[in-house]
Amino acid sequence: MSARHLVLVGLMGVGKSTIGRQCAELLDRAFVDTDDLVEEISHRTISDLFAESETVFRRWERLAVDRAAASTAPLVMACGGGVVVDPANRDRLRGSGFVVWLRATPETLVSRVGDGAGRPLLAGDPAATLRHLAETREPAFRAAGVPLRNEAGSVGAVQLQDLLADEASDLLVAVLRLAMTARAGRFWTECQDALGALHGVAPDDEAGRTQFARQLDAFVLDLKRQNPKPPANTPEARSVVGVVLDFIGRDRLMAAHPAYAQGGWFAKLENAMALHLEGSSNGAAGWAAALDAYEGLHSVPLMTIHKSKGLEYHTVIFVGLDDSAWARSFKEDQTEATAGFFVAFTRAKQRVLFTYCAQRGAKDTIDSFYQLLLGCGVKIISAG
């Protein structure tokens, strides 16, 4: 990490303060919450400032951002949910630090903020307000920094990393891209092959493939006509997902993937697809942007090693190469733990980085990892 500030932005309830304090401890830096700083320099509470007017609060908020950004010591900053709406704040933050946009679905945010007590903007209907803020502020968040996608987080009852690797979810996205986006030729082939197989159309059955192609074409044209814009709420998202799964065939999917029928898993999966589609559509300029967000194409994924199977990235970063992350598995089965450690190398095309912070924990138990790396010429770079 360079000597610039680490700046976390995102909607209220996304976890900026919690994650920020953890990052500050790991990086051995001071932590600053801009809302706390507003109260410190104004000698008034956030609620009092909002009671006077939001304009008054935003004026103090800009002063807080300027003070934090001007610090000569590198900080970890957690910014209030509305900081990035002000272009001057965005420019100040980008100029003084590395900005990371933390995201979560509206449902997750609602579950965290509860009735909105102590949050003036959430007075009344917190759920409706959060959905509105997610939609209206997304362009500002996107302009401010790099989105971080926590794939260990949950969408409904399903972990995001499980959802994104799921066959039915992949088919949903392929059908929606075919129907809703331009230059979707490769999705035509993908949908015809995958869905044709589910519908029992053999690859060499030309007549059957032609007939199914007509059905697929008619379906996607009608789907686009019925849904010219991404879903604006949960019922609309459930409707879109339900219509697509009806066409694909739930029974066919369960026959091809028996695990779907166990423990009501497919119902949980369908619910997660709808929630994630709704969350991805908030603030999206159109279907292409919504589906990009669904797949996390412009986000940095954060995941556990065992969930990275089959994935490949230009760069892989180990967050916390220390005993607290590895000692348990290392003590239980050193051979297996070492194998798991090197699995990450197969995920990286070009580069692997390792992070370590003494304040987080020791590295005595896993010292053999360090000896292996040092023996291979891996360099140690101290943080500035």
Protein backbone atom coordinates (compact mmCIF):
# COMPACT_ATOMS: atom_id res chain seq x y z
CA MET A 1 0.00 0.00 0.00
CA SER A 2 1.35 3.44 -0.91
CA ALA A 3 1.41 6.40 1.45
CA ARG A 4 -1.88 7.67 0.05
CA HIS A 5 -5.12 7.43 2.00
CA LEU A 6 -7.36 4.39 1.67
CA VAL A 7 -10.87 5.79 1.17
CA LEU A 8 -14.02 3.66 1.53
CA VAL A 9 -17.27 4.90 -0.02
CA GLY A 10 -20.72 3.35 -0.31
CA LEU A 11 -24.25 3.57 1.00
CA MET A 12 -25.06 3.60 4.70
CA GLY A 13 -25.10 0.10 6.14
CA VAL A 14 -22.61 -1.33 3.65
CA GLY A 15 -19.93 -1.75 6.32
CA LYS A 16 -17.51 1.12 5.66
CA SER A 17 -16.78 1.77 9.35
CA THR A 18 -16.42 -1.90 10.26
CA ILE A 19 -14.16 -2.70 7.31
CA GLY A 20 -12.33 0.60 7.68
CA ARG A 21 -11.34 -0.09 11.29
CA GLN A 22 -10.10 -3.55 10.30
CA CYS A 23 -8.06 -2.10 7.44
CA ALA A 24 -6.63 0.58 9.71
CA GLU A 25 -5.49 -2.06 12.17
CA LEU A 26 -3.93 -4.17 9.44
CA LEU A 27 -2.17 -1.20 7.85
CA ASP A 28 -1.19 0.37 11.19
CA ARG A 29 -2.93 3.62 10.26
CA ALA A 30 -5.33 5.99 11.97
CA PHE A 31 -9.01 5.54 11.13
CA VAL A 32 -11.29 8.48 10.36
CA ASP A 33 -15.06 8.39 9.89
CA THR A 34 -16.17 11.59 8.16
CA ASP A 35 -19.50 11.60 10.04
CA ASP A 36 -17.61 11.53 13.35
CA LEU A 37 -15.32 14.28 12.08
CA VAL A 38 -18.32 16.44 11.13
CA GLU A 39 -19.59 16.25 14.71
CA GLU A 40 -16.13 16.96 16.09
CA ILE A 41 -15.50 20.13 14.09
CA SER A 42 -19.06 21.46 14.18
CA HIS A 43 -19.67 20.61 17.86
CA ARG A 44 -23.13 19.44 16.82
CA THR A 45 -24.73 16.08 16.12
CA ILE A 46 -25.56 14.89 12.61
CA SER A 47 -29.26 14.92 13.52
CA ASP A 48 -29.03 18.54 14.69
CA LEU A 49 -27.35 19.63 11.45
CA PHE A 50 -29.93 17.84 9.33
CA ALA A 51 -32.72 19.38 11.42
CA GLU A 52 -31.46 22.78 10.30
CA SER A 53 -31.09 21.63 6.68
CA GLU A 54 -29.27 19.05 4.61
CA THR A 55 -27.40 21.90 2.94
CA VAL A 56 -25.88 22.90 6.28
CA PHE A 57 -24.81 19.31 6.94
CA ARG A 58 -23.23 18.97 3.49
CA ARG A 59 -21.26 22.17 4.04
CA TRP A 60 -19.73 20.75 7.22
CA GLU A 61 -19.22 17.42 5.49
CA ARG A 62 -17.11 19.05 2.79
CA LEU A 63 -14.96 20.67 5.47
CA ALA A 64 -14.51 17.27 7.13
CA VAL A 65 -13.46 15.68 3.83
CA ASP A 66 -10.97 18.50 3.19
CA ARG A 67 -9.46 18.14 6.67
CA ALA A 68 -9.08 14.37 6.43
CA ALA A 69 -7.73 14.47 2.88
CA ALA A 70 -5.15 17.08 3.89
CA SER A 71 -3.62 14.81 6.54
CA THR A 72 0.07 14.22 5.87
CA ALA A 73 -0.15 10.85 7.62
CA PRO A 74 -1.85 8.18 5.48
CA LEU A 75 -5.31 7.38 6.84
CA VAL A 76 -8.08 4.88 6.35
CA MET A 77 -11.21 6.95 5.73
CA ALA A 78 -14.84 5.82 5.90
CA CYS A 79 -16.99 8.40 4.16
CA GLY A 80 -20.63 9.17 4.77
CA GLY A 81 -23.01 7.71 2.21
CA GLY A 82 -23.63 11.06 0.50
CA VAL A 83 -20.06 12.34 0.33
CA VAL A 84 -19.53 11.37 -3.30
CA VAL A 85 -22.64 13.22 -4.50
CA ASP A 86 -20.58 16.43 -4.28
CA PRO A 87 -18.18 16.53 -7.28
CA ALA A 88 -15.69 18.58 -5.23
CA ASN A 89 -15.55 15.79 -2.64
CA ARG A 90 -15.00 13.16 -5.34
CA ASP A 91 -12.12 15.14 -6.82
CA ARG A 92 -10.59 15.72 -3.38
CA LEU A 93 -10.77 12.05 -2.44
CA ARG A 94 -9.43 10.76 -5.75
CA GLY A 95 -6.59 13.25 -5.59
CA SER A 96 -5.48 12.24 -2.11
CA GLY A 97 -6.16 8.52 -1.90
CA PHE A 98 -7.16 5.19 -3.37
CA VAL A 99 -10.97 5.08 -3.38
CA VAL A 100 -12.83 1.78 -3.00
CA TRP A 101 -16.58 1.54 -3.52
CA LEU A 102 -18.21 -1.04 -1.23
CA ARG A 103 -21.52 -2.43 -2.46
CA ALA A 104 -24.38 -4.53 -1.09
CA THR A 105 -27.91 -5.30 -2.23
CA PRO A 106 -30.72 -3.06 -0.91
CA GLU A 107 -32.07 -6.02 1.06
CA THR A 108 -28.74 -6.45 2.84
CA LEU A 109 -28.58 -2.73 3.63
CA VAL A 110 -32.13 -2.75 5.00
CA SER A 111 -31.35 -5.72 7.25
CA ARG A 112 -28.35 -3.86 8.67
CA VAL A 113 -29.82 -0.41 9.30
CA GLY A 114 -33.09 -1.68 10.80
CA ASP A 115 -35.56 1.14 11.42
CA GLY A 116 -32.99 3.78 10.49
CA ALA A 117 -32.67 5.18 14.01
CA GLY A 118 -29.95 7.83 14.16
CA ARG A 119 -29.87 8.18 10.38
CA PRO A 120 -31.82 11.33 9.39
CA LEU A 121 -32.13 10.44 5.71
CA LEU A 122 -33.91 7.17 6.57
CA ALA A 123 -36.77 8.73 8.50
CA GLY A 124 -40.07 7.27 7.33
CA ASP A 125 -39.52 4.24 5.11
CA PRO A 126 -35.88 3.07 5.34
CA ALA A 127 -36.29 0.32 2.73
CA ALA A 128 -37.78 2.62 0.08
CA THR A 129 -35.23 5.33 0.83
CA LEU A 130 -32.28 2.95 0.52
CA ARG A 131 -33.52 1.63 -2.81
CA HIS A 132 -33.93 5.20 -4.05
CA LEU A 133 -30.46 6.18 -2.83
CA ALA A 134 -28.91 3.09 -4.41
CA GLU A 135 -30.41 4.07 -7.76
CA THR A 136 -29.71 7.81 -7.69
CA ARG A 137 -26.22 7.68 -6.19
CA GLU A 138 -24.74 4.81 -8.19
CA PRO A 139 -23.31 7.09 -10.93
CA ALA A 140 -21.53 9.15 -8.25
CA PHE A 141 -20.12 6.06 -6.52
CA ARG A 142 -19.02 4.62 -9.85
CA ALA A 143 -17.26 7.88 -10.70
CA ALA A 144 -15.56 8.04 -7.31
CA GLY A 145 -13.68 4.77 -7.07
CA VAL A 146 -13.07 1.10 -7.68
CA PRO A 147 -16.03 -1.18 -6.80
CA LEU A 148 -15.16 -4.09 -4.51
CA ARG A 149 -17.42 -7.15 -4.74
CA ASN A 150 -17.50 -9.27 -1.60
CA GLU A 151 -18.25 -12.71 -3.01
CA ALA A 152 -18.36 -14.22 0.46
CA GLY A 153 -21.41 -12.04 1.13
CA SER A 154 -24.90 -13.46 0.79
CA VAL A 155 -27.78 -12.67 -1.51
CA GLY A 156 -30.79 -14.06 0.27
CA ALA A 157 -29.76 -17.56 1.39
CA VAL A 158 -27.04 -17.95 -1.26
CA GLN A 159 -23.45 -16.76 -1.18
CA LEU A 160 -22.68 -14.44 -4.08
CA GLN A 161 -19.71 -16.53 -5.22
CA ASP A 162 -21.99 -19.60 -5.39
CA LEU A 163 -24.61 -17.67 -7.33
CA LEU A 164 -22.12 -16.35 -9.90
CA ALA A 165 -20.76 -19.86 -10.51
CA ASP A 166 -24.20 -21.45 -10.86
CA GLU A 167 -25.42 -22.99 -14.13
CA ALA A 168 -28.97 -21.61 -13.90
CA SER A 169 -27.67 -18.12 -13.12
CA ASP A 170 -25.32 -18.31 -16.12
CA LEU A 171 -28.22 -19.32 -18.36
CA LEU A 172 -30.36 -16.48 -17.01
CA VAL A 173 -27.66 -13.94 -17.87
CA ALA A 174 -27.08 -15.47 -21.32
CA VAL A 175 -30.79 -15.28 -22.19
CA LEU A 176 -31.08 -11.72 -20.88
CA ARG A 177 -28.00 -10.60 -22.81
CA LEU A 178 -29.34 -12.22 -25.96
CA ALA A 179 -32.68 -10.46 -25.52
CA MET A 180 -31.62 -7.08 -24.19
CA THR A 181 -28.16 -6.17 -25.50
CA ALA A 182 -26.58 -5.30 -28.82
CA ARG A 183 -23.97 -7.50 -30.52
CA ALA A 184 -25.20 -10.60 -28.69
CA GLY A 185 -24.26 -13.13 -31.36
CA ARG A 186 -22.19 -15.36 -29.08
CA PHE A 187 -25.09 -15.56 -26.64
CA TRP A 188 -27.32 -16.85 -29.43
CA THR A 189 -25.01 -19.80 -29.95
CA GLU A 190 -24.60 -20.34 -26.22
CA CYS A 191 -28.35 -20.26 -25.58
CA GLN A 192 -29.21 -22.46 -28.55
CA ASP A 193 -26.66 -25.10 -27.55
CA ALA A 194 -27.29 -25.12 -23.79
CA LEU A 195 -31.06 -24.72 -23.88
CA GLY A 196 -31.41 -27.04 -26.85
CA ALA A 197 -29.64 -29.76 -24.89
CA LEU A 198 -31.97 -29.22 -21.93
CA HIS A 199 -34.96 -29.44 -24.26
CA GLY A 200 -33.68 -32.70 -25.74
CA VAL A 201 -32.63 -31.34 -29.14
CA ALA A 202 -29.66 -33.34 -30.42
CA PRO A 203 -26.73 -31.42 -32.02
CA ASP A 204 -27.23 -33.26 -35.34
CA ASP A 205 -31.03 -32.79 -35.40
CA GLU A 206 -31.20 -29.94 -37.90
CA ALA A 207 -34.98 -29.84 -38.05
CA GLY A 208 -35.25 -29.85 -34.27
CA ARG A 209 -32.60 -27.13 -33.89
CA THR A 210 -34.34 -24.97 -36.48
CA GLN A 211 -37.68 -25.32 -34.70
CA PHE A 212 -36.13 -24.53 -31.31
CA ALA A 213 -34.29 -21.54 -32.81
CA ARG A 214 -37.66 -20.11 -33.86
CA GLN A 215 -39.03 -20.62 -30.35
CA LEU A 216 -35.98 -18.99 -28.80
CA ASP A 217 -36.14 -16.04 -31.20
CA ALA A 218 -39.82 -15.46 -30.50
CA PHE A 219 -39.26 -15.68 -26.76
CA VAL A 220 -36.38 -13.18 -26.57
CA LEU A 221 -38.21 -10.68 -28.81
CA ASP A 222 -41.26 -10.83 -26.53
CA LEU A 223 -39.06 -10.64 -23.41
CA LYS A 224 -37.44 -7.45 -24.70
CA ARG A 225 -40.80 -5.96 -25.63
CA GLN A 226 -42.20 -6.67 -22.18
CA ASN A 227 -39.09 -5.42 -20.32
CA PRO A 228 -37.45 -2.51 -22.16
CA LYS A 229 -35.71 -1.38 -18.95
CA PRO A 230 -34.04 -3.30 -16.10
CA PRO A 231 -36.31 -4.07 -13.13
CA ALA A 232 -36.94 -1.16 -10.79
CA ASN A 233 -38.07 -3.22 -7.80
CA THR A 234 -38.22 -6.74 -6.38
CA PRO A 235 -41.56 -7.80 -7.97
CA GLU A 236 -40.31 -6.78 -11.42
CA ALA A 237 -37.05 -8.66 -10.90
CA ARG A 238 -38.91 -11.78 -9.73
CA SER A 239 -41.14 -11.55 -12.79
CA VAL A 240 -38.23 -11.36 -15.23
CA VAL A 241 -36.36 -14.24 -13.58
CA GLY A 242 -39.53 -16.33 -13.37
CA VAL A 243 -40.39 -15.85 -17.05
CA VAL A 244 -36.87 -16.82 -18.15
CA LEU A 245 -36.80 -19.89 -15.89
CA ASP A 246 -40.24 -20.91 -17.17
CA PHE A 247 -38.84 -20.88 -20.70
CA ILE A 248 -35.67 -22.73 -19.73
CA GLY A 249 -37.72 -25.23 -17.74
CA ARG A 250 -37.31 -25.72 -14.00
CA ASP A 251 -37.96 -29.46 -14.25
CA ARG A 252 -35.34 -29.78 -16.98
CA LEU A 253 -32.78 -27.92 -14.87
CA MET A 254 -33.48 -30.12 -11.86
CA ALA A 255 -33.21 -33.26 -13.97
CA ALA A 256 -29.84 -32.11 -15.31
CA HIS A 257 -28.64 -30.95 -11.87
CA PRO A 258 -30.14 -33.16 -9.11
CA ALA A 259 -28.67 -30.94 -6.37
CA TYR A 260 -31.25 -28.27 -7.27
CA ALA A 261 -34.02 -30.51 -5.91
CA GLN A 262 -32.40 -30.98 -2.50
CA GLY A 263 -33.52 -28.94 0.50
CA GLY A 264 -35.44 -26.42 -1.58
CA TRP A 265 -32.15 -25.20 -3.04
CA PHE A 266 -33.59 -24.16 -6.39
CA ALA A 267 -36.20 -21.91 -4.76
CA LYS A 268 -33.43 -20.24 -2.74
CA LEU A 269 -31.37 -19.87 -5.89
CA GLU A 270 -34.25 -18.32 -7.84
CA ASN A 271 -34.85 -15.85 -5.02
CA ALA A 272 -31.15 -14.93 -4.97
CA MET A 273 -31.13 -14.39 -8.74
CA ALA A 274 -34.07 -11.99 -8.45
CA LEU A 275 -32.55 -10.06 -5.54
CA HIS A 276 -29.17 -9.79 -7.24
CA LEU A 277 -30.75 -8.68 -10.52
CA GLU A 278 -32.69 -5.98 -8.68
CA GLY A 279 -29.60 -4.80 -6.82
CA SER A 280 -27.53 -4.80 -10.01
CA SER A 281 -30.20 -2.77 -11.82
CA ASN A 282 -30.27 0.06 -9.29
CA GLY A 283 -28.83 3.11 -11.04
CA ALA A 284 -27.88 1.14 -14.18
CA ALA A 285 -28.17 3.09 -17.42
CA GLY A 286 -29.67 0.11 -19.22
CA TRP A 287 -29.73 -3.67 -19.47
CA ALA A 288 -26.09 -3.98 -20.53
CA ALA A 289 -24.89 -2.07 -17.46
CA ALA A 290 -27.24 -4.02 -15.18
CA LEU A 291 -25.98 -7.36 -16.45
CA ASP A 292 -22.35 -6.20 -16.22
CA ALA A 293 -23.03 -5.37 -12.56
CA TYR A 294 -24.75 -8.74 -12.04
CA GLU A 295 -21.64 -10.54 -13.25
CA GLY A 296 -19.29 -8.08 -11.51
CA LEU A 297 -17.39 -7.36 -14.72
CA HIS A 298 -16.02 -4.03 -13.50
CA SER A 299 -15.53 -4.95 -9.83
CA VAL A 300 -12.62 -6.36 -7.87
CA PRO A 301 -13.75 -9.72 -6.40
CA LEU A 302 -12.96 -10.64 -2.81
CA MET A 303 -13.29 -14.38 -2.13
CA THR A 304 -11.97 -17.34 -0.18
CA ILE A 305 -9.43 -19.61 -1.88
CA HIS A 306 -11.63 -22.70 -1.84
CA LYS A 307 -14.31 -20.79 -3.75
CA SER A 308 -11.93 -19.72 -6.53
CA LYS A 309 -11.99 -23.09 -8.31
CA GLY A 310 -12.11 -22.74 -12.07
CA LEU A 311 -11.48 -18.97 -12.01
CA GLU A 312 -8.51 -17.09 -13.41
CA TYR A 313 -7.30 -13.52 -12.95
CA HIS A 314 -4.40 -11.39 -14.13
CA THR A 315 -3.43 -10.63 -10.51
CA VAL A 316 -4.26 -12.44 -7.27
CA ILE A 317 -3.73 -10.80 -3.86
CA PHE A 318 -3.54 -12.84 -0.64
CA VAL A 319 -5.07 -10.66 2.07
CA GLY A 320 -3.31 -11.59 5.32
CA LEU A 321 -0.59 -14.22 4.95
CA ASP A 322 -0.35 -14.90 8.68
CA ASP A 323 -1.16 -17.44 11.37
CA SER A 324 -4.65 -16.06 12.03
CA ALA A 325 -5.69 -16.94 8.48
CA TRP A 326 -3.78 -20.21 8.04
CA ALA A 327 -2.70 -21.73 11.34
CA ARG A 328 -5.81 -23.83 11.97
CA SER A 329 -5.78 -25.59 8.60
CA PHE A 330 -1.99 -25.80 8.72
CA LYS A 331 -2.04 -27.61 12.07
CA GLU A 332 -4.85 -29.98 11.00
CA ASP A 333 -3.19 -31.07 7.77
CA GLN A 334 0.00 -29.32 6.71
CA THR A 335 0.14 -31.07 3.34
CA GLU A 336 -3.44 -30.13 2.48
CA ALA A 337 -2.97 -26.57 3.69
CA THR A 338 0.17 -26.17 1.60
CA ALA A 339 -1.65 -27.53 -1.44
CA GLY A 340 -4.47 -25.05 -0.83
CA PHE A 341 -1.94 -22.25 -0.55
CA PHE A 342 -0.47 -23.02 -3.95
CA VAL A 343 -3.90 -23.37 -5.52
CA ALA A 344 -3.99 -19.57 -5.60
CA PHE A 345 -1.00 -19.51 -7.94
CA THR A 346 -3.05 -21.36 -10.53
CA ARG A 347 -5.62 -18.55 -10.40
CA ALA A 348 -3.12 -15.88 -11.44
CA LYS A 349 -2.02 -15.36 -15.03
CA GLN A 350 0.76 -12.88 -14.32
CA ARG A 351 1.23 -11.90 -10.70
CA VAL A 352 0.59 -12.90 -7.08
CA LEU A 353 0.92 -10.47 -4.18
CA PHE A 354 0.95 -11.31 -0.46
CA THR A 355 0.09 -8.91 2.34
CA TYR A 356 1.24 -9.14 5.95
CA CYS A 357 0.76 -6.84 8.92
CA ALA A 358 2.45 -7.58 12.25
CA GLN A 359 -0.41 -5.95 14.17
CA ARG A 360 -2.81 -8.51 12.72
CA GLY A 361 -0.84 -11.53 13.95
CA ALA A 362 2.33 -13.58 13.85
CA LYS A 363 3.54 -15.86 11.06
CA ASP A 364 5.42 -18.44 13.11
CA THR A 365 3.20 -21.43 12.34
CA ILE A 366 3.30 -20.83 8.60
CA ASP A 367 6.96 -19.86 8.45
CA SER A 368 7.54 -22.66 5.94
CA PHE A 369 5.38 -20.71 3.47
CA TYR A 370 7.69 -17.73 3.81
CA GLN A 371 10.80 -19.85 3.43
CA LEU A 372 9.41 -21.34 0.21
CA LEU A 373 8.60 -17.90 -1.18
CA LEU A 374 11.92 -16.34 -0.18
CA GLY A 375 13.77 -19.33 -1.61
CA CYS A 376 12.07 -18.68 -4.95
CA GLY A 377 13.23 -15.07 -4.98
CA VAL A 378 9.97 -13.41 -3.90
CA LYS A 379 10.75 -9.86 -2.78
CA ILE A 380 9.54 -8.21 0.42
CA ILE A 381 8.34 -4.62 0.04
CA SER A 382 7.65 -2.63 3.20
CA ALA A 383 4.61 -0.35 3.24
CA GLY A 384 5.33 3.34 3.18
